[in-house]
Amino acid sequence: MSKSTTLTLNVLKENFIICRLPSSSSVPSWAFNGPFCSITKTNDELSIITIDNDQLPKDIQCERNWKCFKFLGPFSFDMTGVLTSILNPLAKADIGILAISTFDTDYVMVKDKHLDMAIDVLKQNGHKVNM
């Protein structure tokens, strides 16, 4: 990917939540709500990213108030620099992220309080952001 390549990102309208459950947990049905969810199981944990809604049990460890950028792909696996073209400008602006990759594309999440600044930074770095 050349430095001058412009990426197009869509901001998903929903608010997202990141939950941590014990690694022995089954995936709950509430995990599959909304336009995006990500489920990752390791020996240490079961992490679920999904929309924030009333179906979530109150006793689960969660981090709320995330907004999600969807990269308009798909991108081939040999294409390099896609994530770094987004992550580097956000890091320079001190905006923390959570990145998730799928077979076709990438998603980057930022805290809701940083959304406007993140959009400005990405636009200043030549990317197109659709709300």
Foldseek 3Di string as FASTA:
>chain_A
DDLQDAWEKEKDPFWKKKWKDALPDDDDPQLPDDDDKDWDHDNGTIIIMDGDDDVDDPPIDMDTAKIKIWIPWFDDPPDPDPVVLLVVLCVVVVWDWDKDDDNGTIMIMTGNVCVVVSCVSSVVSPYHYHD
